[in-house]
């Protein structure tokens, strides 16, 4: 991997400029690493993190053609003209074949492109932060999305978000490309222990993931104190979670990992406690690894798990039901085995990474060809 971005690309090469609010570990970053591998050497990826955090670069194979660039912007509550102007210069300097922007945090890059150079553009919406959900969105952001994305190809991974983009934001060029995972790679994890039953979660440690809900539910559910809770990830909520888990030797927060398969192999139950999700890659990975799931029923989660797992998907906001579902799963080894096997079968059938990569390749070729 290289560090300095350069302009344009030689004949036959497609240069994608990816503008992320952050390139810390998360589902979008993991998906891009998989895409970069799958798209192959005819694509080059220039990745910009607007907060300077490139931690997830560790997810990329060494032979993938990637370059990383930092442009730390002024933090504002809305869209900043000075930020937009700096981003406009960046777009002109790199001059990619396609601009890819990610979530609301990259909307200033969308505005910069609208002002010129008007590059071929794909915008990815994967969900919301703690200040928005599918049902509760800031009106000024809805108006900005409606205006700035009206001529842009917009990709959503879930049915709920696809509907929001089309109906609430009134966008015309919305398409759903469902995420996929490397099923075979997720069979290769090393367990690393044979003692306690482990409830595990993996993801970015952000407020909307509501890991305090998981910690409280685990303490209520593990009645005989024989289980462990492992929350794998990094992010702004890490210090608060360490404080919440203080003095409880059953709870560990080992940090982020580039070896997701090993993490899932350590888990006996996968837990998702989010207030808002769409189609979480971590859920797909856990299912492919053969894990039963306890989760809040947000986004497309209930549509993703196997039918046998549905009784353990609880209404969003009902913390008592969530803790009860976790207790039931902990106490029923035969259910865990049967549900895990059913989830694994569904993951193999439904979450094809090859299908995802082919859909994105087709989209990029169509966007570039239409602009040309």
Protein backbone atom coordinates (compact mmCIF):
# COMPACT_ATOMS: atom_id res chain seq x y z
CA UNK A 1 0.00 0.00 0.00
CA UNK A 2 1.14 3.54 -0.75
CA UNK A 3 0.53 6.86 1.02
CA UNK A 4 0.70 9.64 -1.54
CA UNK A 5 -2.26 10.18 -3.86
CA UNK A 6 -1.62 11.13 -7.48
CA UNK A 7 -3.79 12.54 -10.24
CA UNK A 8 -5.76 10.51 -12.71
CA UNK A 9 -5.01 7.01 -13.93
CA UNK A 10 -3.42 5.43 -17.02
CA UNK A 11 -5.52 3.99 -19.80
CA UNK A 12 -7.51 0.97 -18.63
CA UNK A 13 -7.27 1.87 -14.94
CA UNK A 14 -10.24 3.12 -12.93
CA UNK A 15 -9.36 5.44 -10.06
CA UNK A 16 -11.93 5.63 -7.25
CA UNK A 17 -11.66 8.44 -4.72
CA UNK A 18 -13.38 7.41 -1.47
CA UNK A 19 -14.21 10.25 0.95
CA UNK A 20 -15.02 8.98 4.45
CA UNK A 21 -15.83 11.00 7.57
CA UNK A 22 -13.46 8.53 9.28
CA UNK A 23 -11.58 5.43 8.22
CA UNK A 24 -11.67 3.86 11.66
CA UNK A 25 -12.87 0.25 11.87
CA UNK A 26 -16.49 -0.20 10.78
CA UNK A 27 -18.78 -1.99 8.35
CA UNK A 28 -18.27 0.44 5.45
CA UNK A 29 -14.51 0.14 5.78
CA UNK A 30 -14.65 -3.67 5.89
CA UNK A 31 -16.87 -3.70 2.80
CA UNK A 32 -14.45 -1.46 0.88
CA UNK A 33 -11.54 -3.74 1.78
CA UNK A 34 -13.49 -6.69 0.37
CA UNK A 35 -14.46 -4.71 -2.74
CA UNK A 36 -10.88 -3.63 -3.36
CA UNK A 37 -9.75 -7.25 -3.26
CA UNK A 38 -12.57 -8.37 -5.52
CA UNK A 39 -12.32 -5.59 -8.09
CA UNK A 40 -8.66 -6.41 -8.66
CA UNK A 41 -5.69 -4.52 -10.11
CA UNK A 42 -7.64 -2.60 -12.76
CA UNK A 43 -8.99 -0.42 -9.94
CA UNK A 44 -6.97 1.97 -7.78
CA UNK A 45 -8.43 3.34 -4.55
CA UNK A 46 -7.56 6.71 -3.04
CA UNK A 47 -9.02 6.86 0.48
CA UNK A 48 -9.50 10.16 2.30
CA UNK A 49 -10.35 10.30 6.02
CA UNK A 50 -11.75 13.67 7.04
CA UNK A 51 -10.75 13.11 10.68
CA UNK A 52 -7.26 11.77 9.96
CA UNK A 53 -8.07 8.26 11.29
CA UNK A 54 -6.93 5.50 8.91
CA UNK A 55 -6.92 2.61 11.41
CA UNK A 56 -8.95 0.35 9.10
CA UNK A 57 -6.19 0.36 6.49
CA UNK A 58 -5.04 -2.80 8.32
CA UNK A 59 -8.00 -4.60 6.68
CA UNK A 60 -6.45 -4.27 3.20
CA UNK A 61 -4.20 -6.86 1.61
CA UNK A 62 -0.72 -5.62 0.74
CA UNK A 63 -1.20 -6.24 -2.98
CA UNK A 64 -4.37 -4.13 -3.22
CA UNK A 65 -3.76 -0.79 -4.94
CA UNK A 66 -4.67 1.74 -2.26
CA UNK A 67 -3.43 5.19 -1.31
CA UNK A 68 -4.36 7.02 1.88
CA UNK A 69 -4.76 10.75 2.30
CA UNK A 70 -5.82 12.97 5.19
CA UNK A 71 -7.76 16.22 4.95
CA UNK A 72 -8.90 17.26 8.42
CA UNK A 73 -11.82 19.67 8.11
CA UNK A 74 -13.27 22.25 10.45
CA UNK A 75 -16.07 20.76 12.55
CA UNK A 76 -19.38 22.57 12.08
CA UNK A 77 -23.06 21.84 12.71
CA UNK A 78 -23.88 22.26 9.02
CA UNK A 79 -22.03 22.66 5.73
CA UNK A 80 -18.94 24.89 5.79
CA UNK A 81 -17.98 26.92 2.73
CA UNK A 82 -14.30 26.78 3.67
CA UNK A 83 -14.47 22.99 3.97
CA UNK A 84 -16.27 22.73 0.64
CA UNK A 85 -13.63 24.91 -1.03
CA UNK A 86 -10.79 22.74 0.33
CA UNK A 87 -12.56 19.59 -0.83
CA UNK A 88 -13.10 21.10 -4.27
CA UNK A 89 -9.35 21.61 -4.59
CA UNK A 90 -8.76 18.01 -3.48
CA UNK A 91 -11.14 16.68 -6.14
CA UNK A 92 -9.41 18.71 -8.84
CA UNK A 93 -5.93 17.63 -7.68
CA UNK A 94 -6.72 13.90 -7.60
CA UNK A 95 -9.12 13.97 -10.58
CA UNK A 96 -10.46 10.44 -10.12
CA UNK A 97 -12.64 8.57 -12.55
CA UNK A 98 -15.37 8.23 -9.90
CA UNK A 99 -15.97 10.01 -6.60
CA UNK A 100 -17.41 7.83 -3.82
CA UNK A 101 -18.80 9.56 -0.72
CA UNK A 102 -20.01 7.93 2.49
CA UNK A 103 -22.90 9.00 4.75
CA UNK A 104 -23.82 12.47 5.98
CA UNK A 105 -20.27 13.14 7.20
CA UNK A 106 -19.03 13.37 3.60
CA UNK A 107 -21.82 15.64 2.36
CA UNK A 108 -19.47 18.61 2.01
CA UNK A 109 -17.54 16.57 -0.60
CA UNK A 110 -20.86 16.05 -2.42
CA UNK A 111 -21.40 19.83 -2.41
CA UNK A 112 -17.83 20.44 -3.59
CA UNK A 113 -18.35 18.17 -6.58
CA UNK A 114 -21.64 19.86 -7.47
CA UNK A 115 -19.77 23.18 -7.70
CA UNK A 116 -17.19 21.61 -10.00
CA UNK A 117 -15.43 19.50 -11.26
CA UNK A 118 -18.71 17.45 -11.42
CA UNK A 119 -17.01 14.06 -11.38
CA UNK A 120 -18.99 10.85 -11.89
CA UNK A 121 -20.32 10.22 -8.40
CA UNK A 122 -21.70 7.41 -6.24
CA UNK A 123 -22.95 8.14 -2.72
CA UNK A 124 -23.20 5.39 -0.10
CA UNK A 125 -25.71 5.63 2.73
CA UNK A 126 -25.26 2.95 5.37
CA UNK A 127 -27.13 4.41 8.32
CA UNK A 128 -27.20 7.12 10.91
CA UNK A 129 -25.33 8.39 13.93
CA UNK A 130 -26.85 8.90 17.40
CA UNK A 131 -28.74 12.04 16.32
CA UNK A 132 -30.85 10.37 13.58
CA UNK A 133 -32.71 7.13 12.89
CA UNK A 134 -34.91 5.85 10.06
CA UNK A 135 -37.95 7.33 11.83
CA UNK A 136 -36.34 10.48 13.25
CA UNK A 137 -34.26 12.63 10.92
CA UNK A 138 -33.16 16.25 11.09
CA UNK A 139 -35.22 18.31 8.61
CA UNK A 140 -32.23 20.40 7.49
CA UNK A 141 -30.32 17.23 6.63
CA UNK A 142 -33.28 15.81 4.74
CA UNK A 143 -33.43 19.02 2.68
CA UNK A 144 -29.67 18.96 2.05
CA UNK A 145 -29.72 15.32 0.94
CA UNK A 146 -32.69 16.00 -1.32
CA UNK A 147 -30.90 18.93 -2.98
CA UNK A 148 -27.32 17.67 -3.17
CA UNK A 149 -28.01 14.05 -4.14
CA UNK A 150 -30.79 14.56 -6.66
CA UNK A 151 -28.51 13.81 -9.65
CA UNK A 152 -26.37 11.20 -7.92
CA UNK A 153 -26.42 7.40 -7.89
CA UNK A 154 -27.20 6.52 -4.26
CA UNK A 155 -26.56 3.03 -2.85
CA UNK A 156 -28.26 1.65 0.26
CA UNK A 157 -27.66 -1.82 1.74
CA UNK A 158 -31.09 -2.31 3.36
CA UNK A 159 -34.73 -2.22 2.34
CA UNK A 160 -35.52 0.32 5.06
CA UNK A 161 -32.84 2.76 3.94
CA UNK A 162 -33.66 2.30 0.26
CA UNK A 163 -37.26 3.25 1.03
CA UNK A 164 -36.18 6.28 3.09
CA UNK A 165 -33.92 7.57 0.32
CA UNK A 166 -36.65 7.18 -2.31
CA UNK A 167 -39.68 8.34 -0.32
CA UNK A 168 -38.44 10.79 2.32
CA UNK A 169 -35.46 12.24 0.50
CA UNK A 170 -37.26 11.95 -2.88
CA UNK A 171 -34.19 10.71 -4.72
CA UNK A 172 -34.61 9.16 -8.15
CA UNK A 173 -31.41 7.12 -8.64
CA UNK A 174 -31.51 4.91 -5.53
CA UNK A 175 -30.50 1.27 -5.67
CA UNK A 176 -30.08 -1.44 -3.05
CA UNK A 177 -26.91 -3.49 -3.15
CA UNK A 178 -26.92 -5.92 -0.27
CA UNK A 179 -23.70 -6.49 1.63
CA UNK A 180 -21.88 -9.80 1.39
CA UNK A 181 -19.16 -11.58 3.34
CA UNK A 182 -16.40 -14.09 2.62
CA UNK A 183 -18.12 -17.22 3.91
CA UNK A 184 -15.10 -19.50 3.58
CA UNK A 185 -12.75 -17.13 5.40
CA UNK A 186 -15.13 -17.02 8.36
CA UNK A 187 -14.83 -20.80 8.80
CA UNK A 188 -11.10 -20.49 9.51
CA UNK A 189 -11.22 -18.75 12.90
CA UNK A 190 -9.26 -20.16 15.84
CA UNK A 191 -11.29 -20.54 19.02
CA UNK A 192 -8.48 -19.87 21.47
CA UNK A 193 -10.36 -21.05 24.57
CA UNK A 194 -12.48 -23.92 25.83
CA UNK A 195 -13.67 -22.64 29.18
CA UNK A 196 -16.48 -20.14 29.74
CA UNK A 197 -19.48 -19.47 27.54
CA UNK A 198 -18.75 -16.22 25.64
CA UNK A 199 -21.25 -13.59 24.57
CA UNK A 200 -19.53 -11.45 21.97
CA UNK A 201 -20.05 -8.38 19.84
CA UNK A 202 -17.89 -6.78 17.17
CA UNK A 203 -18.23 -3.28 15.77
CA UNK A 204 -17.35 0.38 16.02
CA UNK A 205 -17.76 1.61 19.59
CA UNK A 206 -20.11 4.49 18.90
CA UNK A 207 -23.06 5.74 20.98
CA UNK A 208 -25.72 4.45 18.58
CA UNK A 209 -24.45 0.88 19.09
CA UNK A 210 -25.64 1.17 22.72
CA UNK A 211 -23.18 -1.25 24.27
CA UNK A 212 -24.26 -0.13 27.78
CA UNK A 213 -27.54 -1.94 26.96
CA UNK A 214 -25.55 -5.10 26.22
CA UNK A 215 -23.48 -4.80 29.41
CA UNK A 216 -26.60 -4.34 31.54
CA UNK A 217 -28.38 -7.22 29.81
CA UNK A 218 -25.37 -9.51 30.24
CA UNK A 219 -25.18 -8.79 33.96
CA UNK A 220 -28.89 -9.52 34.33
CA UNK A 221 -28.77 -12.65 32.17
CA UNK A 222 -25.62 -14.32 33.51
CA UNK A 223 -27.25 -15.38 36.76
CA UNK A 224 -24.60 -17.81 37.94
CA UNK A 225 -21.62 -15.69 36.84
CA UNK A 226 -20.18 -18.39 34.60
CA UNK A 227 -20.18 -16.58 31.24
CA UNK A 228 -17.97 -13.87 29.75
CA UNK A 229 -18.74 -10.83 27.61
CA UNK A 230 -16.28 -9.69 24.95
CA UNK A 231 -16.88 -6.45 23.01
CA UNK A 232 -14.38 -6.19 20.13
CA UNK A 233 -13.86 -2.79 18.55
CA UNK A 234 -12.61 0.75 18.96
CA UNK A 235 -14.25 4.14 18.85
CA UNK A 236 -15.36 7.19 20.79
CA UNK A 237 -17.40 5.21 23.35
CA UNK A 238 -14.44 3.07 24.48
CA UNK A 239 -13.57 5.04 27.63
CA UNK A 240 -17.20 5.15 28.79
CA UNK A 241 -17.56 1.41 28.22
CA UNK A 242 -14.39 0.67 30.16
CA UNK A 243 -15.80 2.70 33.01
CA UNK A 244 -19.13 0.81 32.80
CA UNK A 245 -17.30 -2.54 32.82
CA UNK A 246 -14.91 -1.58 35.60
CA UNK A 247 -14.45 -4.14 38.41
CA UNK A 248 -16.24 -6.87 36.43
CA UNK A 249 -13.66 -9.49 35.46
CA UNK A 250 -16.20 -11.22 33.16
CA UNK A 251 -16.22 -8.27 30.71
CA UNK A 252 -13.36 -7.54 28.31
CA UNK A 253 -12.82 -4.86 25.67
CA UNK A 254 -9.76 -6.02 23.70
CA UNK A 255 -9.89 -3.27 21.05
CA UNK A 256 -10.25 -3.45 17.28
CA UNK A 257 -9.10 -6.43 15.23
CA UNK A 258 -8.26 -7.17 11.62
CA UNK A 259 -8.81 -10.90 12.34
CA UNK A 260 -12.60 -10.98 12.58
CA UNK A 261 -12.82 -14.75 12.00
CA UNK A 262 -10.81 -15.43 15.17
CA UNK A 263 -13.08 -13.12 17.17
CA UNK A 264 -16.24 -14.89 16.04
CA UNK A 265 -14.61 -18.26 16.76
CA UNK A 266 -14.21 -17.18 20.41
CA UNK A 267 -17.92 -16.34 20.70
CA UNK A 268 -20.74 -18.73 21.54
CA UNK A 269 -23.49 -16.10 21.12
CA UNK A 270 -23.36 -12.95 18.99
CA UNK A 271 -25.11 -9.90 20.50
CA UNK A 272 -26.19 -6.74 18.71
CA UNK A 273 -27.58 -4.00 20.95
CA UNK A 274 -27.88 -1.04 18.56
CA UNK A 275 -30.48 1.72 18.56
CA UNK A 276 -30.09 2.02 14.79
CA UNK A 277 -28.71 -0.32 12.10
CA UNK A 278 -29.46 -1.15 8.49
CA UNK A 279 -27.95 -4.45 7.29
CA UNK A 280 -24.96 -4.97 9.58
CA UNK A 281 -21.95 -6.73 8.12
CA UNK A 282 -21.00 -7.94 11.61
CA UNK A 283 -24.34 -9.79 11.79
CA UNK A 284 -23.68 -11.46 8.42
CA UNK A 285 -20.20 -12.46 9.57
CA UNK A 286 -21.50 -13.89 12.85
CA UNK A 287 -24.15 -15.91 11.02
CA UNK A 288 -21.56 -17.21 8.54
CA UNK A 289 -19.45 -18.26 11.52
CA UNK A 290 -22.40 -20.34 12.75
CA UNK A 291 -23.43 -18.22 15.73
CA UNK A 292 -26.89 -17.74 17.25
CA UNK A 293 -27.86 -14.09 17.60
CA UNK A 294 -29.55 -11.92 20.20
CA UNK A 295 -30.33 -8.51 18.71
CA UNK A 296 -32.54 -5.47 18.76
CA UNK A 297 -35.01 -5.52 15.88
CA UNK A 298 -33.65 -2.50 14.01
CA UNK A 299 -33.18 -2.04 10.26
CA UNK A 300 -33.30 -5.31 8.33
CA UNK A 301 -32.07 -7.46 11.23
CA UNK A 302 -35.26 -9.54 11.53
CA UNK A 303 -35.18 -10.20 7.77
CA UNK A 304 -31.55 -11.29 7.88
CA UNK A 305 -31.51 -13.97 10.57
CA UNK A 306 -32.83 -17.50 10.09
CA UNK A 307 -36.44 -18.12 11.06
CA UNK A 308 -35.31 -20.17 14.06
CA UNK A 309 -33.52 -17.09 15.44
CA UNK A 310 -36.51 -14.73 15.28
CA UNK A 311 -37.68 -15.26 18.92
CA UNK A 312 -34.38 -13.71 20.06
CA UNK A 313 -34.81 -10.50 18.04
CA UNK A 314 -36.43 -8.05 20.45
CA UNK A 315 -38.29 -4.75 19.95
CA UNK A 316 -36.01 -1.73 19.79
CA UNK A 317 -35.96 0.05 23.15
CA UNK A 318 -37.34 -2.87 25.18
CA UNK A 319 -34.30 -3.53 27.38
CA UNK A 320 -36.15 -6.03 29.58
CA UNK A 321 -37.06 -8.18 26.57
CA UNK A 322 -33.47 -7.97 25.32
CA UNK A 323 -32.04 -9.15 28.66
CA UNK A 324 -34.62 -11.95 28.82
CA UNK A 325 -33.72 -13.15 25.31
CA UNK A 326 -30.04 -13.20 26.21
CA UNK A 327 -30.77 -15.18 29.40
CA UNK A 328 -32.82 -17.71 27.42
CA UNK A 329 -30.03 -18.14 24.88
CA UNK A 330 -27.42 -18.60 27.59
CA UNK A 331 -29.49 -21.29 29.30
CA UNK A 332 -30.33 -23.37 26.22
CA UNK A 333 -27.33 -25.08 24.55
CA UNK A 334 -29.46 -27.15 22.16
CA UNK A 335 -31.21 -24.01 20.88
CA UNK A 336 -27.85 -22.29 20.44
CA UNK A 337 -26.56 -25.15 18.30
CA UNK A 338 -29.69 -25.42 16.15
CA UNK A 339 -30.00 -21.67 15.61
CA UNK A 340 -26.31 -21.28 14.83
CA UNK A 341 -26.53 -24.01 12.19
CA UNK A 342 -29.63 -22.39 10.64
CA UNK A 343 -27.94 -18.98 10.55
CA UNK A 344 -24.90 -20.52 8.87
CA UNK A 345 -27.07 -22.09 6.17
CA UNK A 346 -28.83 -18.79 5.51
CA UNK A 347 -25.56 -16.84 5.41
CA UNK A 348 -24.17 -19.19 2.78
CA UNK A 349 -27.27 -18.70 0.63
CA UNK A 350 -28.05 -15.02 1.17
CA UNK A 351 -24.82 -13.09 1.82
CA UNK A 352 -22.71 -13.75 -1.25
CA UNK A 353 -19.64 -11.54 -1.43
CA UNK A 354 -19.11 -12.45 -5.09
CA UNK A 355 -22.60 -11.20 -5.92
CA UNK A 356 -21.94 -7.94 -4.05
CA UNK A 357 -18.65 -7.35 -5.87
CA UNK A 358 -20.23 -8.07 -9.27
CA UNK A 359 -23.04 -5.58 -8.55
CA UNK A 360 -20.59 -2.84 -7.60
CA UNK A 361 -18.39 -3.53 -10.63
CA UNK A 362 -21.44 -3.16 -12.87
CA UNK A 363 -22.46 0.06 -11.12
CA UNK A 364 -19.01 1.64 -11.41
CA UNK A 365 -18.73 0.74 -15.08
CA UNK A 366 -22.21 2.12 -15.77
CA UNK A 367 -21.56 5.40 -13.90
CA UNK A 368 -18.23 5.97 -15.60
CA UNK A 369 -19.62 5.04 -19.02
CA UNK A 370 -22.65 7.30 -18.67
CA UNK A 371 -20.49 10.27 -17.72
CA UNK A 372 -18.12 9.65 -20.61
